[in-house]
Amino acid sequence: MLSEKDKMLQGLAHQAYSDELVAMRLRAKELLYDFNIATRPSNNAEKVRLILELFG
C-alpha cells in the first residue's frame, strides 16, 4: 500500500492532511523562515545548507 506522500508524488488522489505531509510542510516552512529571517545576508554557507536541505 502506498503512503500518502507516494500517492502525491505519483499524481494520485491523496489525503493532503496526513500526518506525514503535514510534518513535511511544517519542516519546509521552518527552513524557509530560517533562510529568510534568521540567516545573516553574508552567511552564504548557511543559506546553501538550508536550500540543499529544503530541495535536497
N, C-alpha and C. Protein backbone atom coordinates (compact mmCIF):
# COMPACT_ATOMS: atom_id res chain seq x y z
N MET A 1 0.85 -1.18 0.00
CA MET A 1 0.00 0.00 0.00
C MET A 1 0.90 1.25 0.00
N LEU A 2 0.54 2.20 -0.80
CA LEU A 2 1.34 3.43 -0.94
C LEU A 2 1.06 4.40 0.20
N SER A 3 2.09 5.12 0.60
CA SER A 3 1.90 6.19 1.58
C SER A 3 1.24 7.37 0.89
N GLU A 4 0.73 8.29 1.67
CA GLU A 4 0.10 9.48 1.09
C GLU A 4 1.13 10.30 0.31
N LYS A 5 2.36 10.32 0.78
CA LYS A 5 3.43 11.02 0.06
C LYS A 5 3.67 10.37 -1.29
N ASP A 6 3.74 9.05 -1.33
CA ASP A 6 3.95 8.35 -2.59
C ASP A 6 2.80 8.59 -3.56
N LYS A 7 1.58 8.57 -3.04
CA LYS A 7 0.42 8.86 -3.89
C LYS A 7 0.53 10.27 -4.47
N MET A 8 0.89 11.23 -3.63
CA MET A 8 1.02 12.61 -4.09
C MET A 8 2.07 12.72 -5.18
N LEU A 9 3.22 12.10 -4.96
CA LEU A 9 4.32 12.17 -5.93
C LEU A 9 3.96 11.52 -7.26
N GLN A 10 3.05 10.55 -7.23
CA GLN A 10 2.62 9.87 -8.45
C GLN A 10 1.41 10.55 -9.10
N GLY A 11 0.94 11.63 -8.49
CA GLY A 11 -0.19 12.35 -9.05
C GLY A 11 -1.53 11.69 -8.77
N LEU A 12 -1.56 10.81 -7.78
CA LEU A 12 -2.79 10.12 -7.42
C LEU A 12 -3.54 10.90 -6.35
N ALA A 13 -4.80 10.54 -6.17
CA ALA A 13 -5.58 11.14 -5.09
C ALA A 13 -4.93 10.78 -3.76
N HIS A 14 -4.83 11.75 -2.88
CA HIS A 14 -4.18 11.52 -1.59
C HIS A 14 -4.81 12.42 -0.53
N GLN A 15 -4.54 12.10 0.72
CA GLN A 15 -5.01 12.90 1.84
C GLN A 15 -3.95 13.96 2.14
N ALA A 16 -4.24 15.19 1.78
CA ALA A 16 -3.26 16.27 1.94
C ALA A 16 -2.93 16.55 3.40
N TYR A 17 -3.79 16.15 4.31
CA TYR A 17 -3.58 16.44 5.73
C TYR A 17 -3.17 15.21 6.52
N SER A 18 -2.52 14.27 5.84
CA SER A 18 -1.96 13.13 6.56
C SER A 18 -0.84 13.64 7.46
N ASP A 19 -0.56 12.91 8.52
CA ASP A 19 0.49 13.34 9.46
C ASP A 19 1.82 13.56 8.76
N GLU A 20 2.16 12.67 7.84
CA GLU A 20 3.44 12.77 7.13
C GLU A 20 3.53 14.05 6.30
N LEU A 21 2.49 14.35 5.53
CA LEU A 21 2.53 15.53 4.67
C LEU A 21 2.45 16.83 5.47
N VAL A 22 1.70 16.82 6.55
CA VAL A 22 1.63 18.00 7.42
C VAL A 22 3.01 18.27 8.03
N ALA A 23 3.69 17.22 8.48
CA ALA A 23 5.03 17.38 9.05
C ALA A 23 6.02 17.88 8.01
N MET A 24 5.91 17.40 6.79
CA MET A 24 6.80 17.86 5.72
C MET A 24 6.59 19.34 5.42
N ARG A 25 5.33 19.78 5.38
CA ARG A 25 5.05 21.20 5.13
C ARG A 25 5.57 22.07 6.26
N LEU A 26 5.40 21.62 7.49
CA LEU A 26 5.89 22.39 8.63
C LEU A 26 7.41 22.51 8.57
N ARG A 27 8.10 21.43 8.25
CA ARG A 27 9.57 21.47 8.15
C ARG A 27 10.00 22.44 7.05
N ALA A 28 9.30 22.42 5.92
CA ALA A 28 9.63 23.33 4.82
C ALA A 28 9.44 24.78 5.26
N LYS A 29 8.36 25.06 5.99
CA LYS A 29 8.12 26.42 6.48
C LYS A 29 9.22 26.86 7.44
N GLU A 30 9.67 25.95 8.30
CA GLU A 30 10.74 26.29 9.24
C GLU A 30 12.04 26.58 8.51
N LEU A 31 12.37 25.78 7.50
CA LEU A 31 13.58 26.02 6.73
C LEU A 31 13.51 27.35 5.99
N LEU A 32 12.35 27.66 5.41
CA LEU A 32 12.19 28.93 4.71
C LEU A 32 12.30 30.11 5.67
N TYR A 33 11.74 29.95 6.86
CA TYR A 33 11.87 31.00 7.86
C TYR A 33 13.34 31.24 8.18
N ASP A 34 14.07 30.16 8.45
CA ASP A 34 15.50 30.30 8.74
C ASP A 34 16.23 30.96 7.59
N PHE A 35 15.91 30.58 6.38
CA PHE A 35 16.57 31.15 5.21
C PHE A 35 16.28 32.64 5.08
N ASN A 36 15.03 33.02 5.26
CA ASN A 36 14.61 34.41 5.02
C ASN A 36 14.83 35.34 6.21
N ILE A 37 14.73 34.84 7.42
CA ILE A 37 14.72 35.70 8.60
C ILE A 37 15.97 35.52 9.47
N ALA A 38 16.32 34.31 9.76
CA ALA A 38 17.33 34.05 10.79
C ALA A 38 18.76 33.99 10.27
N THR A 39 18.94 33.99 8.97
CA THR A 39 20.28 33.88 8.41
C THR A 39 20.80 35.25 8.00
N ARG A 40 22.00 35.56 8.43
CA ARG A 40 22.60 36.84 8.05
C ARG A 40 22.86 36.85 6.54
N PRO A 41 22.70 37.99 5.88
CA PRO A 41 22.92 38.07 4.43
C PRO A 41 24.30 37.60 4.00
N SER A 42 25.29 37.79 4.84
CA SER A 42 26.65 37.40 4.48
C SER A 42 26.96 35.93 4.72
N ASN A 43 26.05 35.20 5.34
CA ASN A 43 26.30 33.80 5.69
C ASN A 43 25.85 32.88 4.55
N ASN A 44 26.59 32.92 3.46
CA ASN A 44 26.22 32.14 2.28
C ASN A 44 26.27 30.64 2.52
N ALA A 45 27.21 30.17 3.32
CA ALA A 45 27.32 28.73 3.59
C ALA A 45 26.06 28.21 4.25
N GLU A 46 25.52 28.96 5.20
CA GLU A 46 24.28 28.53 5.87
C GLU A 46 23.10 28.57 4.91
N LYS A 47 23.05 29.59 4.07
CA LYS A 47 21.96 29.67 3.09
C LYS A 47 22.01 28.48 2.13
N VAL A 48 23.19 28.11 1.68
CA VAL A 48 23.33 26.96 0.79
C VAL A 48 22.89 25.69 1.51
N ARG A 49 23.30 25.52 2.77
CA ARG A 49 22.91 24.35 3.54
C ARG A 49 21.39 24.23 3.65
N LEU A 50 20.74 25.36 3.94
CA LEU A 50 19.29 25.35 4.07
C LEU A 50 18.60 25.01 2.75
N ILE A 51 19.08 25.58 1.66
CA ILE A 51 18.50 25.29 0.34
C ILE A 51 18.66 23.82 0.00
N LEU A 52 19.84 23.27 0.28
CA LEU A 52 20.07 21.86 -0.01
C LEU A 52 19.17 20.96 0.83
N GLU A 53 18.94 21.34 2.08
CA GLU A 53 18.04 20.55 2.92
C GLU A 53 16.60 20.66 2.42
N LEU A 54 16.23 21.84 1.98
CA LEU A 54 14.87 22.05 1.51
C LEU A 54 14.59 21.31 0.20
N PHE A 55 15.51 21.42 -0.75
CA PHE A 55 15.28 20.84 -2.07
C PHE A 55 16.05 19.55 -2.33
N GLY A 56 17.00 19.26 -1.42
CA GLY A 56 17.89 18.12 -1.48
C GLY A 56 17.54 17.08 -2.41
